[in-house]
Each structure stands twice: as C-alpha cells, then as structure tokens.
Amino acid sequence: MVPDVHETVFLRGRRVYLRPFHGETDLKFFQRWINDPRVRQHLKTRSPITLVGEQKYLDHAGENGDVVLTICLRDGTPIGSMGLHRINWIDRTATTGSWIAVPYWRQGYGTEAKLLLLRHAFDTLNLRKMCSSAYANNTASIKHNLNAGYRIEGRRKKQLFRRGRYYDEVLLACFREWWWPKWKKYRQAKKR
C-alpha cells in the first residue's frame, strides 16, 4: 500500500523526498528489504530481522538522537531509508547510513536523498563533518557518496566478513565545502 502523497514531507527533492518513519507500512517494507540477501550483503547486520526487532531498532534510534528517515518517490512510494547516526554535538560530526530496495538501485535516488540529508546536516544542524563507510566491493554505495561530495579518507584492510571472506572497509567523509558544489549543481539542474 502506497501512503498518501500528501503526507508529512521532511526534506523535498526533485525526484525523492525524505519523511519520518510511518508505522506498520514502513515497518513491513523495511523488514522485507533489509532481509533481502541482495540488500543485506551490503549492511553490517548478520541475523534475520523480525518485525519486532526492526521496531525496537527504530524506537531506539529516536531515543538516542539518531535521525532515521524513509526515502520516498514523489508519488509516495517508499524505496529505502537514510539516516544520521552517532551525532556528536561537541565535535559536530555524524555518520550517515542508507539502503535502497533493489528495484530502485542505480537510478540516482540515493545520491539525491544524500544531498538532501547533507543540506539538513550542514545548514540546519550546523554539523561540520559527515562520515560513512562501505564494503570495498559495494561500488554503488561508494559512488553515490562520492557523487554527494564525500571523499575517501582511508581503508581498513580485511575489516568486514561476508560470504566466506573478508573485505576492506572504505572510509568516506564529507565537509560542507565538498558538498556545496554538488548541491549547487543539483539545485541548478532542478530549476531546468
């Protein structure tokens, strides 16, 4: 079931928007796709995620100050999730994380959503540095971060275990001045 198009919109983009998590509809959507092996292979979760487990995670995220948002197409169809985690108000840093359901991969939705989230982080929350990481073989995740202004900071060799082997973890970071030219280009394209 697609939620009402006129629901709460937190951050609006050209093709996607980010909104707060919506009860059972999102819960079932999240649980289905996080358990999909094609999505899960790029996440740090290892065990099956139950509806109760996903609800506890989302409840806890709100309690500890994380910002977890649902990525939606402009017609209201949920396609994934993105968030700010481990916000450190003294150092003004946070970690971003995201996932997108398989039918919506490689269409630029993740990059657009990340640009919107970074605008909120830099221009509203006054954070100064965003961090992220990805399995070295997850080239789509690395690419979408680079397209949003991130740069590779380093690599942890053979850090993450998946499918019988260890993978390097690519560490990425973004400062406002790296994001701004990407945002400006996005805004100019949006006006056309």
Protein backbone atom coordinates (compact mmCIF):
# COMPACT_ATOMS: atom_id res chain seq x y z
CA MET A 1 0.00 0.00 0.00
CA VAL A 2 1.42 3.36 -1.03
CA PRO A 3 0.98 6.05 1.65
CA ASP A 4 -0.99 9.22 0.84
CA VAL A 5 1.08 11.52 -1.39
CA HIS A 6 0.13 14.49 0.80
CA GLU A 7 1.71 13.05 3.94
CA THR A 8 4.42 14.69 6.04
CA VAL A 9 7.45 15.66 3.98
CA PHE A 10 10.61 16.49 5.93
CA LEU A 11 13.06 17.14 3.05
CA ARG A 12 11.80 17.53 -0.54
CA GLY A 13 13.86 16.94 -3.65
CA ARG A 14 13.22 16.78 -7.36
CA ARG A 15 12.52 13.04 -7.60
CA VAL A 16 12.51 11.90 -3.98
CA TYR A 17 11.63 13.18 -0.55
CA LEU A 18 12.57 12.14 2.96
CA ARG A 19 9.95 11.80 5.66
CA PRO A 20 9.68 10.44 9.18
CA PHE A 21 9.11 6.72 9.61
CA HIS A 22 5.40 5.74 9.30
CA GLY A 23 4.20 2.86 11.46
CA GLU A 24 3.33 -0.55 10.14
CA THR A 25 3.54 0.23 6.42
CA ASP A 26 7.19 1.28 6.66
CA LEU A 27 7.97 -1.38 9.24
CA LYS A 28 6.93 -4.22 6.90
CA PHE A 29 8.68 -2.56 3.94
CA PHE A 30 11.92 -2.09 5.93
CA GLN A 31 11.85 -5.62 7.33
CA ARG A 32 11.24 -7.16 3.89
CA TRP A 33 14.09 -5.36 2.15
CA ILE A 34 16.65 -5.46 4.97
CA ASN A 35 16.24 -9.24 4.96
CA ASP A 36 16.67 -9.48 1.16
CA PRO A 37 20.13 -11.04 0.59
CA ARG A 38 20.94 -8.54 -2.18
CA VAL A 39 20.42 -5.60 0.21
CA ARG A 40 21.69 -7.32 3.35
CA GLN A 41 25.05 -8.22 1.74
CA HIS A 42 25.98 -4.52 1.94
CA LEU A 43 24.75 -3.95 5.51
CA LYS A 44 26.50 -4.83 8.74
CA THR A 45 23.50 -6.79 10.02
CA ARG A 46 24.01 -10.57 10.02
CA SER A 47 20.90 -12.11 11.52
CA PRO A 48 17.33 -12.18 10.23
CA ILE A 49 15.42 -9.06 11.23
CA THR A 50 11.95 -9.62 12.67
CA LEU A 51 9.19 -7.03 12.73
CA VAL A 52 9.67 -6.73 16.49
CA GLY A 53 13.43 -6.35 16.08
CA GLU A 54 13.05 -3.65 13.43
CA GLN A 55 10.52 -1.80 15.59
CA LYS A 56 12.93 -1.89 18.56
CA TYR A 57 15.73 -0.55 16.36
CA LEU A 58 13.57 2.33 15.10
CA ASP A 59 12.30 3.12 18.62
CA HIS A 60 15.87 3.13 19.95
CA ALA A 61 17.11 5.31 17.06
CA GLY A 62 14.68 8.05 18.05
CA GLU A 63 15.59 7.76 21.72
CA ASN A 64 19.34 8.12 21.16
CA GLY A 65 19.04 11.13 18.85
CA ASP A 66 19.58 9.39 15.52
CA VAL A 67 17.57 10.76 12.62
CA VAL A 68 16.09 7.87 10.59
CA LEU A 69 14.04 8.84 7.54
CA THR A 70 12.17 6.96 4.84
CA ILE A 71 13.19 7.72 1.25
CA CYS A 72 10.11 8.05 -0.99
CA LEU A 73 9.49 8.71 -4.64
CA ARG A 74 7.44 11.83 -5.31
CA ASP A 75 4.31 9.64 -5.68
CA GLY A 76 4.73 8.44 -2.08
CA THR A 77 6.25 5.02 -2.80
CA PRO A 78 8.82 4.15 -0.09
CA ILE A 79 12.12 2.97 -1.62
CA GLY A 80 14.59 2.90 1.28
CA SER A 81 15.93 4.55 4.39
CA MET A 82 18.62 7.08 5.23
CA GLY A 83 19.80 8.49 8.50
CA LEU A 84 22.18 10.46 10.64
CA HIS A 85 23.72 8.32 13.37
CA ARG A 86 26.10 8.86 16.27
CA ILE A 87 25.65 12.63 16.20
CA ASN A 88 28.40 14.23 18.27
CA TRP A 89 27.40 17.79 19.18
CA ILE A 90 30.82 18.68 20.62
CA ASP A 91 32.85 17.63 17.56
CA ARG A 92 29.88 18.45 15.26
CA THR A 93 30.17 15.14 13.40
CA ALA A 94 27.79 12.34 12.48
CA THR A 95 27.71 9.14 10.47
CA THR A 96 25.33 8.66 7.58
CA GLY A 97 23.86 5.35 6.53
CA SER A 98 21.39 4.29 3.89
CA TRP A 99 19.90 1.43 1.94
CA ILE A 100 17.59 1.27 -1.06
CA ALA A 101 15.30 -1.56 -2.20
CA VAL A 102 16.64 -3.49 -5.19
CA PRO A 103 14.14 -2.28 -7.84
CA TYR A 104 15.37 1.30 -7.28
CA TRP A 105 19.13 0.71 -7.46
CA ARG A 106 21.39 2.67 -9.81
CA GLN A 107 18.86 5.37 -10.68
CA GLY A 108 20.40 8.25 -8.70
CA TYR A 109 17.80 8.21 -5.93
CA GLY A 110 20.42 7.55 -3.23
CA THR A 111 22.58 10.46 -4.35
CA GLU A 112 19.63 12.85 -4.37
CA ALA A 113 18.48 11.69 -0.94
CA LYS A 114 22.03 12.03 0.43
CA LEU A 115 22.31 15.60 -0.94
CA LEU A 116 19.06 16.48 0.86
CA LEU A 117 20.20 14.88 4.11
CA LEU A 118 23.56 16.67 3.96
CA ARG A 119 21.81 20.01 3.47
CA HIS A 120 19.88 19.35 6.66
CA ALA A 121 23.04 18.26 8.50
CA PHE A 122 25.16 21.23 7.41
CA ASP A 123 22.63 24.06 7.09
CA THR A 124 20.13 23.21 9.84
CA LEU A 125 22.02 21.16 12.43
CA ASN A 126 25.31 23.03 11.88
CA LEU A 127 27.31 19.81 11.74
CA ARG A 128 30.71 20.15 10.11
CA LYS A 129 31.72 16.62 9.06
CA MET A 130 29.75 13.60 7.90
CA CYS A 131 31.32 10.13 7.88
CA SER A 132 30.29 6.96 6.10
CA SER A 133 31.78 3.62 5.14
CA ALA A 134 31.13 0.81 2.69
CA TYR A 135 32.38 -2.62 1.80
CA ALA A 136 35.05 -2.15 -0.89
CA ASN A 137 33.01 -4.28 -3.31
CA ASN A 138 29.93 -2.07 -2.86
CA THR A 139 30.88 0.28 -5.67
CA ALA A 140 27.34 1.70 -5.95
CA SER A 141 27.41 2.93 -2.34
CA ILE A 142 30.88 4.40 -2.74
CA LYS A 143 29.85 6.10 -5.99
CA HIS A 144 26.68 7.64 -4.52
CA ASN A 145 28.68 9.05 -1.62
CA LEU A 146 31.34 10.48 -3.95
CA ASN A 147 28.56 11.99 -6.10
CA ALA A 148 27.20 13.75 -3.00
CA GLY A 149 30.58 15.30 -2.11
CA TYR A 150 32.24 12.66 0.06
CA ARG A 151 35.89 11.79 -0.40
CA ILE A 152 37.72 8.62 0.52
CA GLU A 153 39.63 9.10 3.78
CA GLY A 154 41.08 5.65 4.13
CA ARG A 155 40.60 1.93 4.13
CA ARG A 156 40.51 -0.71 6.85
CA LYS A 157 42.08 -3.80 5.34
CA LYS A 158 40.07 -7.02 5.53
CA GLN A 159 37.74 -5.47 8.11
CA LEU A 160 34.31 -6.88 7.21
CA PHE A 161 33.37 -10.54 6.84
CA ARG A 162 30.79 -11.52 4.20
CA ARG A 163 30.08 -14.69 2.24
CA GLY A 164 33.13 -16.57 3.46
CA ARG A 165 35.76 -13.85 3.05
CA TYR A 166 36.97 -10.56 4.44
CA TYR A 167 36.51 -7.27 2.60
CA ASP A 168 38.18 -3.93 3.03
CA GLU A 169 36.05 -1.20 4.55
CA VAL A 170 36.28 2.08 2.64
CA LEU A 171 36.04 5.12 4.93
CA LEU A 172 34.47 8.25 3.48
CA ALA A 173 33.93 11.75 4.81
CA CYS A 174 32.27 14.95 3.67
CA PHE A 175 32.68 18.56 4.76
CA ARG A 176 30.28 21.33 3.83
CA GLU A 177 32.75 22.82 1.34
CA TRP A 178 32.97 19.47 -0.51
CA TRP A 179 29.19 19.03 -0.53
CA TRP A 180 28.32 22.61 -1.54
CA PRO A 181 29.42 22.39 -5.25
CA LYS A 182 27.42 19.14 -5.64
CA TRP A 183 24.39 20.78 -4.01
CA LYS A 184 24.71 23.87 -6.19
CA LYS A 185 24.86 21.71 -9.35
CA TYR A 186 21.81 19.73 -8.16
CA ARG A 187 19.83 22.92 -7.45
CA GLN A 188 20.69 24.37 -10.86
CA ALA A 189 19.58 21.17 -12.62
CA LYS A 190 16.38 21.22 -10.55
CA LYS A 191 15.46 24.66 -11.92
CA ARG A 192 15.58 23.49 -15.55
